[in-house]
């Protein structure tokens, strides 16, 4: 059984921010390589970070949020089933 930690970024960007998407994707790829062979025990099997980038005119609708720690859950995001364990 593979006990290596899984890592990823989720990107939510408004129109016109394509350059930021490229930067975030490169950072995500580097981070995945860094965490590939790491094992932090049974309590931390995966880490996902959501990044929201919006144009100035939309900033008022996106306030900073506290981190969420999820024990186990199944969600559907953009039509894809995502299982958190």
PDB file of N, CA and C in Angstrom:
ATOM      1  N   UNK A   1       0.842  -1.186   0.000  1.00  0.00           N
ATOM      2  CA  UNK A   1       0.000   0.000   0.000  1.00  0.00           C
ATOM      3  C   UNK A   1       0.884   1.246   0.000  1.00  0.00           C
ATOM      4  N   UNK A   2       0.573   2.204  -0.828  1.00  0.00           N
ATOM      5  CA  UNK A   2       1.336   3.442  -0.937  1.00  0.00           C
ATOM      6  C   UNK A   2       0.865   4.425   0.130  1.00  0.00           C
ATOM      7  N   UNK A   3       1.776   4.786   1.037  1.00  0.00           N
ATOM      8  CA  UNK A   3       1.442   5.716   2.118  1.00  0.00           C
ATOM      9  C   UNK A   3       1.897   7.134   1.820  1.00  0.00           C
ATOM     10  N   UNK A   4       2.391   7.391   0.610  1.00  0.00           N
ATOM     11  CA  UNK A   4       2.867   8.725   0.272  1.00  0.00           C
ATOM     12  C   UNK A   4       1.727   9.723   0.266  1.00  0.00           C
ATOM     13  N   UNK A   5       2.039  10.946   0.680  1.00  0.00           N
ATOM     14  CA  UNK A   5       1.031  11.993   0.750  1.00  0.00           C
ATOM     15  C   UNK A   5       0.686  12.515  -0.641  1.00  0.00           C
ATOM     16  N   UNK A   6      -0.584  12.771  -0.854  1.00  0.00           N
ATOM     17  CA  UNK A   6      -1.051  13.380  -2.098  1.00  0.00           C
ATOM     18  C   UNK A   6      -1.218  14.869  -1.862  1.00  0.00           C
ATOM     19  N   UNK A   7      -0.902  15.665  -2.891  1.00  0.00           N
ATOM     20  CA  UNK A   7      -0.946  17.112  -2.748  1.00  0.00           C
ATOM     21  C   UNK A   7      -1.485  17.727  -4.031  1.00  0.00           C
ATOM     22  N   UNK A   8      -2.233  18.815  -3.904  1.00  0.00           N
ATOM     23  CA  UNK A   8      -2.700  19.501  -5.098  1.00  0.00           C
ATOM     24  C   UNK A   8      -3.298  20.865  -4.792  1.00  0.00           C
ATOM     25  N   UNK A   9      -3.315  21.689  -5.824  1.00  0.00           N
ATOM     26  CA  UNK A   9      -3.966  22.993  -5.769  1.00  0.00           C
ATOM     27  C   UNK A   9      -5.250  22.934  -6.572  1.00  0.00           C
ATOM     28  N   UNK A  10      -6.281  23.621  -6.099  1.00  0.00           N
ATOM     29  CA  UNK A  10      -7.501  23.835  -6.866  1.00  0.00           C
ATOM     30  C   UNK A  10      -7.523  25.318  -7.221  1.00  0.00           C
ATOM     31  N   UNK A  11      -7.693  25.609  -8.502  1.00  0.00           N
ATOM     32  CA  UNK A  11      -7.654  26.998  -8.966  1.00  0.00           C
ATOM     33  C   UNK A  11      -9.051  27.490  -9.323  1.00  0.00           C
ATOM     34  N   UNK A  12      -9.364  28.678  -8.856  1.00  0.00           N
ATOM     35  CA  UNK A  12     -10.599  29.358  -9.225  1.00  0.00           C
ATOM     36  C   UNK A  12     -10.193  30.768  -9.644  1.00  0.00           C
ATOM     37  N   UNK A  13     -10.218  31.048 -10.949  1.00  0.00           N
ATOM     38  CA  UNK A  13      -9.742  32.325 -11.476  1.00  0.00           C
ATOM     39  C   UNK A  13     -10.817  33.004 -12.299  1.00  0.00           C
ATOM     40  N   UNK A  14     -10.871  34.323 -12.200  1.00  0.00           N
ATOM     41  CA  UNK A  14     -11.789  35.065 -13.063  1.00  0.00           C
ATOM     42  C   UNK A  14     -11.132  35.283 -14.428  1.00  0.00           C
ATOM     43  N   UNK A  15     -11.941  35.686 -15.380  1.00  0.00           N
ATOM     44  CA  UNK A  15     -11.437  35.899 -16.747  1.00  0.00           C
ATOM     45  C   UNK A  15     -10.284  36.877 -16.774  1.00  0.00           C
ATOM     46  N   UNK A  16      -9.376  36.646 -17.717  1.00  0.00           N
ATOM     47  CA  UNK A  16      -8.260  37.552 -17.908  1.00  0.00           C
ATOM     48  C   UNK A  16      -7.061  37.286 -17.017  1.00  0.00           C
ATOM     49  N   UNK A  17      -7.124  36.216 -16.232  1.00  0.00           N
ATOM     50  CA  UNK A  17      -6.016  35.905 -15.329  1.00  0.00           C
ATOM     51  C   UNK A  17      -5.276  34.635 -15.766  1.00  0.00           C
ATOM     52  N   UNK A  18      -5.143  34.441 -17.082  1.00  0.00           N
ATOM     53  CA  UNK A  18      -4.492  33.244 -17.609  1.00  0.00           C
ATOM     54  C   UNK A  18      -3.032  33.134 -17.167  1.00  0.00           C
ATOM     55  N   UNK A  19      -2.327  34.254 -17.086  1.00  0.00           N
ATOM     56  CA  UNK A  19      -0.923  34.218 -16.660  1.00  0.00           C
ATOM     57  C   UNK A  19      -0.782  33.675 -15.242  1.00  0.00           C
ATOM     58  N   UNK A  20      -1.702  34.032 -14.359  1.00  0.00           N
ATOM     59  CA  UNK A  20      -1.662  33.534 -12.992  1.00  0.00           C
ATOM     60  C   UNK A  20      -1.905  32.029 -12.964  1.00  0.00           C
ATOM     61  N   UNK A  21      -2.747  31.544 -13.843  1.00  0.00           N
ATOM     62  CA  UNK A  21      -3.024  30.112 -13.905  1.00  0.00           C
ATOM     63  C   UNK A  21      -1.762  29.325 -14.243  1.00  0.00           C
ATOM     64  N   UNK A  22      -0.974  29.831 -15.161  1.00  0.00           N
ATOM     65  CA  UNK A  22       0.273  29.167 -15.545  1.00  0.00           C
ATOM     66  C   UNK A  22       1.237  29.130 -14.354  1.00  0.00           C
ATOM     67  N   UNK A  23       1.341  30.233 -13.631  1.00  0.00           N
ATOM     68  CA  UNK A  23       2.220  30.306 -12.464  1.00  0.00           C
ATOM     69  C   UNK A  23       1.762  29.328 -11.382  1.00  0.00           C
ATOM     70  N   UNK A  24       0.464  29.308 -11.110  1.00  0.00           N
ATOM     71  CA  UNK A  24      -0.080  28.419 -10.086  1.00  0.00           C
ATOM     72  C   UNK A  24       0.146  26.963 -10.480  1.00  0.00           C
ATOM     73  N   UNK A  25      -0.039  26.626 -11.754  1.00  0.00           N
ATOM     74  CA  UNK A  25       0.156  25.247 -12.206  1.00  0.00           C
ATOM     75  C   UNK A  25       1.614  24.812 -12.047  1.00  0.00           C
ATOM     76  N   UNK A  26       2.558  25.691 -12.366  1.00  0.00           N
ATOM     77  CA  UNK A  26       3.978  25.364 -12.177  1.00  0.00           C
ATOM     78  C   UNK A  26       4.287  25.125 -10.700  1.00  0.00           C
ATOM     79  N   UNK A  27       3.752  25.985  -9.832  1.00  0.00           N
ATOM     80  CA  UNK A  27       3.949  25.815  -8.395  1.00  0.00           C
ATOM     81  C   UNK A  27       3.321  24.513  -7.906  1.00  0.00           C
ATOM     82  N   UNK A  28       2.154  24.181  -8.436  1.00  0.00           N
ATOM     83  CA  UNK A  28       1.485  22.935  -8.074  1.00  0.00           C
ATOM     84  C   UNK A  28       2.329  21.725  -8.478  1.00  0.00           C
ATOM     85  N   UNK A  29       2.867  21.741  -9.695  1.00  0.00           N
ATOM     86  CA  UNK A  29       3.694  20.631 -10.170  1.00  0.00           C
ATOM     87  C   UNK A  29       4.943  20.462  -9.299  1.00  0.00           C
ATOM     88  N   UNK A  30       5.597  21.572  -8.953  1.00  0.00           N
ATOM     89  CA  UNK A  30       6.785  21.512  -8.098  1.00  0.00           C
ATOM     90  C   UNK A  30       6.432  20.985  -6.708  1.00  0.00           C
ATOM     91  N   UNK A  31       5.299  21.426  -6.184  1.00  0.00           N
ATOM     92  CA  UNK A  31       4.868  20.989  -4.858  1.00  0.00           C
ATOM     93  C   UNK A  31       4.540  19.501  -4.850  1.00  0.00           C
ATOM     94  N   UNK A  32       3.890  19.020  -5.902  1.00  0.00           N
ATOM     95  CA  UNK A  32       3.584  17.583  -5.993  1.00  0.00           C
ATOM     96  C   UNK A  32       4.861  16.762  -5.965  1.00  0.00           C
ATOM     97  N   UNK A  33       5.888  17.199  -6.706  1.00  0.00           N
ATOM     98  CA  UNK A  33       7.175  16.490  -6.693  1.00  0.00           C
ATOM     99  C   UNK A  33       7.794  16.498  -5.295  1.00  0.00           C
ATOM    100  N   UNK A  34       7.694  17.642  -4.607  1.00  0.00           N
ATOM    101  CA  UNK A  34       8.257  17.748  -3.266  1.00  0.00           C
ATOM    102  C   UNK A  34       7.581  16.765  -2.307  1.00  0.00           C
ATOM    103  N   UNK A  35       6.254  16.683  -2.364  1.00  0.00           N
ATOM    104  CA  UNK A  35       5.505  15.840  -1.431  1.00  0.00           C
ATOM    105  C   UNK A  35       5.393  14.380  -1.870  1.00  0.00           C
ATOM    106  N   UNK A  36       5.854  14.052  -3.056  1.00  0.00           N
ATOM    107  CA  UNK A  36       5.676  12.712  -3.623  1.00  0.00           C
ATOM    108  C   UNK A  36       6.144  11.604  -2.692  1.00  0.00           C
ATOM    109  N   UNK A  37       7.301  11.710  -2.122  1.00  0.00           N
ATOM    110  CA  UNK A  37       7.850  10.643  -1.280  1.00  0.00           C
ATOM    111  C   UNK A  37       7.776  10.953   0.205  1.00  0.00           C
ATOM    112  N   UNK A  38       6.942  11.900   0.575  1.00  0.00           N
ATOM    113  CA  UNK A  38       6.787  12.262   1.985  1.00  0.00           C
ATOM    114  C   UNK A  38       5.682  11.425   2.613  1.00  0.00           C
ATOM    115  N   UNK A  39       5.871  11.122   3.890  1.00  0.00           N
ATOM    116  CA  UNK A  39       4.859  10.399   4.647  1.00  0.00           C
ATOM    117  C   UNK A  39       4.770  11.052   6.016  1.00  0.00           C
ATOM    118  N   UNK A  40       3.603  11.617   6.328  1.00  0.00           N
ATOM    119  CA  UNK A  40       3.396  12.303   7.595  1.00  0.00           C
ATOM    120  C   UNK A  40       2.476  11.511   8.525  1.00  0.00           C
ATOM    121  N   UNK A  41       2.390  10.222   8.292  1.00  0.00           N
ATOM    122  CA  UNK A  41       1.578   9.359   9.136  1.00  0.00           C
ATOM    123  C   UNK A  41       0.148   9.239   8.636  1.00  0.00           C
ATOM    124  N   UNK A  42      -0.604   8.397   9.301  1.00  0.00           N
ATOM    125  CA  UNK A  42      -1.965   8.097   8.889  1.00  0.00           C
ATOM    126  C   UNK A  42      -2.885   9.310   8.972  1.00  0.00           C
ATOM    127  N   UNK A  43      -2.602  10.247   9.861  1.00  0.00           N
ATOM    128  CA  UNK A  43      -3.472  11.406  10.066  1.00  0.00           C
ATOM    129  C   UNK A  43      -3.436  12.428   8.946  1.00  0.00           C
ATOM    130  N   UNK A  44      -2.414  12.369   8.078  1.00  0.00           N
ATOM    131  CA  UNK A  44      -2.314  13.332   6.984  1.00  0.00           C
ATOM    132  C   UNK A  44      -1.947  12.581   5.707  1.00  0.00           C
ATOM    133  N   UNK A  45      -2.982  12.174   4.963  1.00  0.00           N
ATOM    134  CA  UNK A  45      -2.765  11.421   3.732  1.00  0.00           C
ATOM    135  C   UNK A  45      -2.780  12.302   2.504  1.00  0.00           C
ATOM    136  N   UNK A  46      -3.464  13.439   2.572  1.00  0.00           N
ATOM    137  CA  UNK A  46      -3.515  14.337   1.422  1.00  0.00           C
ATOM    138  C   UNK A  46      -3.725  15.770   1.895  1.00  0.00           C
ATOM    139  N   UNK A  47      -3.277  16.692   1.029  1.00  0.00           N
ATOM    140  CA  UNK A  47      -3.421  18.107   1.322  1.00  0.00           C
ATOM    141  C   UNK A  47      -3.824  18.809   0.040  1.00  0.00           C
ATOM    142  N   UNK A  48      -4.940  19.511   0.079  1.00  0.00           N
ATOM    143  CA  UNK A  48      -5.422  20.278  -1.071  1.00  0.00           C
ATOM    144  C   UNK A  48      -5.561  21.736  -0.652  1.00  0.00           C
ATOM    145  N   UNK A  49      -5.087  22.615  -1.535  1.00  0.00           N
ATOM    146  CA  UNK A  49      -5.151  24.052  -1.257  1.00  0.00           C
ATOM    147  C   UNK A  49      -5.944  24.722  -2.371  1.00  0.00           C
ATOM    148  N   UNK A  50      -6.995  25.427  -2.007  1.00  0.00           N
ATOM    149  CA  UNK A  50      -7.799  26.161  -2.978  1.00  0.00           C
ATOM    150  C   UNK A  50      -7.274  27.582  -3.123  1.00  0.00           C
ATOM    151  N   UNK A  51      -7.047  27.992  -4.361  1.00  0.00           N
ATOM    152  CA  UNK A  51      -6.539  29.335  -4.642  1.00  0.00           C
ATOM    153  C   UNK A  51      -7.583  30.082  -5.460  1.00  0.00           C
ATOM    154  N   UNK A  52      -8.002  31.235  -4.947  1.00  0.00           N
ATOM    155  CA  UNK A  52      -8.981  32.062  -5.641  1.00  0.00           C
ATOM    156  C   UNK A  52      -8.293  33.337  -6.103  1.00  0.00           C
ATOM    157  N   UNK A  53      -8.282  33.566  -7.407  1.00  0.00           N
ATOM    158  CA  UNK A  53      -7.718  34.789  -7.990  1.00  0.00           C
ATOM    159  C   UNK A  53      -8.827  35.493  -8.765  1.00  0.00           C
ATOM    160  N   UNK A  54      -9.111  36.717  -8.372  1.00  0.00           N
ATOM    161  CA  UNK A  54     -10.180  37.469  -9.030  1.00  0.00           C
ATOM    162  C   UNK A  54      -9.678  38.843  -9.436  1.00  0.00           C
ATOM    163  N   UNK A  55     -10.310  39.400 -10.424  1.00  0.00           N
ATOM    164  CA  UNK A  55     -10.014  40.771 -10.842  1.00  0.00           C
ATOM    165  C   UNK A  55     -10.450  41.727  -9.741  1.00  0.00           C
ATOM    166  N   UNK A  56      -9.874  42.932  -9.736  1.00  0.00           N
ATOM    167  CA  UNK A  56     -10.165  43.924  -8.685  1.00  0.00           C
ATOM    168  C   UNK A  56     -11.659  44.155  -8.480  1.00  0.00           C
ATOM    169  N   UNK A  57     -12.417  44.187  -9.581  1.00  0.00           N
ATOM    170  CA  UNK A  57     -13.848  44.495  -9.438  1.00  0.00           C
ATOM    171  C   UNK A  57     -14.636  43.396  -8.718  1.00  0.00           C
ATOM    172  N   UNK A  58     -14.051  42.192  -8.557  1.00  0.00           N
ATOM    173  CA  UNK A  58     -14.754  41.097  -7.889  1.00  0.00           C
ATOM    174  C   UNK A  58     -14.234  40.814  -6.487  1.00  0.00           C
ATOM    175  N   UNK A  59     -13.203  41.520  -6.040  1.00  0.00           N
ATOM    176  CA  UNK A  59     -12.602  41.253  -4.737  1.00  0.00           C
ATOM    177  C   UNK A  59     -13.602  41.329  -3.584  1.00  0.00           C
ATOM    178  N   UNK A  60     -14.554  42.232  -3.672  1.00  0.00           N
ATOM    179  CA  UNK A  60     -15.525  42.404  -2.586  1.00  0.00           C
ATOM    180  C   UNK A  60     -16.360  41.156  -2.338  1.00  0.00           C
ATOM    181  N   UNK A  61     -16.476  40.260  -3.321  1.00  0.00           N
ATOM    182  CA  UNK A  61     -17.291  39.053  -3.179  1.00  0.00           C
ATOM    183  C   UNK A  61     -16.516  37.871  -2.621  1.00  0.00           C
ATOM    184  N   UNK A  62     -15.195  37.995  -2.489  1.00  0.00           N
ATOM    185  CA  UNK A  62     -14.361  36.882  -2.053  1.00  0.00           C
ATOM    186  C   UNK A  62     -13.541  37.283  -0.833  1.00  0.00           C
ATOM    187  N   UNK A  63     -14.090  37.033   0.328  1.00  0.00           N
ATOM    188  CA  UNK A  63     -13.407  37.334   1.577  1.00  0.00           C
ATOM    189  C   UNK A  63     -12.529  36.138   1.971  1.00  0.00           C
ATOM    190  N   UNK A  64     -11.406  36.371   2.660  1.00  0.00           N
ATOM    191  CA  UNK A  64     -10.554  35.269   3.121  1.00  0.00           C
ATOM    192  C   UNK A  64     -11.339  34.306   4.006  1.00  0.00           C
ATOM    193  N   UNK A  65     -11.051  33.018   3.865  1.00  0.00           N
ATOM    194  CA  UNK A  65     -11.739  31.987   4.636  1.00  0.00           C
ATOM    195  C   UNK A  65     -10.746  31.230   5.500  1.00  0.00           C
ATOM    196  N   UNK A  66     -11.237  30.701   6.601  1.00  0.00           N
ATOM    197  CA  UNK A  66     -10.419  29.852   7.456  1.00  0.00           C
ATOM    198  C   UNK A  66     -10.240  28.495   6.778  1.00  0.00           C
ATOM    199  N   UNK A  67      -9.140  27.798   7.065  1.00  0.00           N
ATOM    200  CA  UNK A  67      -8.939  26.466   6.472  1.00  0.00           C
ATOM    201  C   UNK A  67      -9.980  25.475   6.974  1.00  0.00           C
ATOM    202  N   UNK A  68     -10.306  24.509   6.120  1.00  0.00           N
ATOM    203  CA  UNK A  68     -11.231  23.438   6.490  1.00  0.00           C
ATOM    204  C   UNK A  68     -10.450  22.138   6.585  1.00  0.00           C
ATOM    205  N   UNK A  69     -10.683  21.408   7.643  1.00  0.00           N
ATOM    206  CA  UNK A  69     -10.074  20.106   7.813  1.00  0.00           C
ATOM    207  C   UNK A  69     -11.173  19.063   7.721  1.00  0.00           C
ATOM    208  N   UNK A  70     -11.066  18.174   6.747  1.00  0.00           N
ATOM    209  CA  UNK A  70     -12.134  17.222   6.442  1.00  0.00           C
ATOM    210  C   UNK A  70     -11.666  15.809   6.771  1.00  0.00           C
ATOM    211  N   UNK A  71     -12.438  15.111   7.573  1.00  0.00           N
ATOM    212  CA  UNK A  71     -12.083  13.734   7.917  1.00  0.00           C
ATOM    213  C   UNK A  71     -12.469  12.779   6.803  1.00  0.00           C
ATOM    214  N   UNK A  72     -13.720  12.793   6.373  1.00  0.00           N
ATOM    215  CA  UNK A  72     -14.166  11.899   5.306  1.00  0.00           C
ATOM    216  C   UNK A  72     -15.441  12.459   4.693  1.00  0.00           C
ATOM    217  N   UNK A  73     -15.461  12.556   3.339  1.00  0.00           N
ATOM    218  CA  UNK A  73     -16.628  13.116   2.663  1.00  0.00           C
ATOM    219  C   UNK A  73     -16.541  12.831   1.165  1.00  0.00           C
ATOM    220  N   UNK A  74     -17.689  12.754   0.499  1.00  0.00           N
ATOM    221  CA  UNK A  74     -17.755  12.614  -0.952  1.00  0.00           C
ATOM    222  C   UNK A  74     -18.467  13.848  -1.498  1.00  0.00           C
ATOM    223  N   UNK A  75     -17.850  14.496  -2.495  1.00  0.00           N
ATOM    224  CA  UNK A  75     -18.429  15.690  -3.112  1.00  0.00           C
ATOM    225  C   UNK A  75     -18.402  15.531  -4.618  1.00  0.00           C
ATOM    226  N   UNK A  76     -19.252  16.313  -5.298  1.00  0.00           N
ATOM    227  CA  UNK A  76     -19.211  16.385  -6.756  1.00  0.00           C
ATOM    228  C   UNK A  76     -18.808  17.807  -7.115  1.00  0.00           C
ATOM    229  N   UNK A  77     -17.634  17.933  -7.782  1.00  0.00           N
ATOM    230  CA  UNK A  77     -17.093  19.229  -8.157  1.00  0.00           C
ATOM    231  C   UNK A  77     -16.952  19.256  -9.668  1.00  0.00           C
ATOM    232  N   UNK A  78     -17.642  20.185 -10.310  1.00  0.00           N
ATOM    233  CA  UNK A  78     -17.611  20.304 -11.770  1.00  0.00           C
ATOM    234  C   UNK A  78     -17.935  18.978 -12.456  1.00  0.00           C
ATOM    235  N   UNK A  79     -18.874  18.243 -11.886  1.00  0.00           N
ATOM    236  CA  UNK A  79     -19.314  16.976 -12.485  1.00  0.00           C
ATOM    237  C   UNK A  79     -18.432  15.786 -12.144  1.00  0.00           C
ATOM    238  N   UNK A  80     -17.362  15.986 -11.382  1.00  0.00           N
ATOM    239  CA  UNK A  80     -16.462  14.898 -11.016  1.00  0.00           C
ATOM    240  C   UNK A  80     -16.656  14.525  -9.551  1.00  0.00           C
ATOM    241  N   UNK A  81     -16.698  13.226  -9.275  1.00  0.00           N
ATOM    242  CA  UNK A  81     -16.858  12.742  -7.917  1.00  0.00           C
ATOM    243  C   UNK A  81     -15.489  12.817  -7.224  1.00  0.00           C
ATOM    244  N   UNK A  82     -15.449  13.499  -6.074  1.00  0.00           N
ATOM    245  CA  UNK A  82     -14.217  13.646  -5.304  1.00  0.00           C
ATOM    246  C   UNK A  82     -14.475  13.038  -3.926  1.00  0.00           C
ATOM    247  N   UNK A  83     -13.625  12.076  -3.540  1.00  0.00           N
ATOM    248  CA  UNK A  83     -13.785  11.427  -2.247  1.00  0.00           C
ATOM    249  C   UNK A  83     -12.661  11.858  -1.320  1.00  0.00           C
ATOM    250  N   UNK A  84     -13.030  12.432  -0.184  1.00  0.00           N
ATOM    251  CA  UNK A  84     -12.068  12.859   0.826  1.00  0.00           C
ATOM    252  C   UNK A  84     -12.049  11.790   1.909  1.00  0.00           C
ATOM    253  N   UNK A  85     -10.867  11.357   2.276  1.00  0.00           N
ATOM    254  CA  UNK A  85     -10.739  10.356   3.334  1.00  0.00           C
ATOM    255  C   UNK A  85      -9.685  10.796   4.314  1.00  0.00           C
TER     256      UNK A  85
END
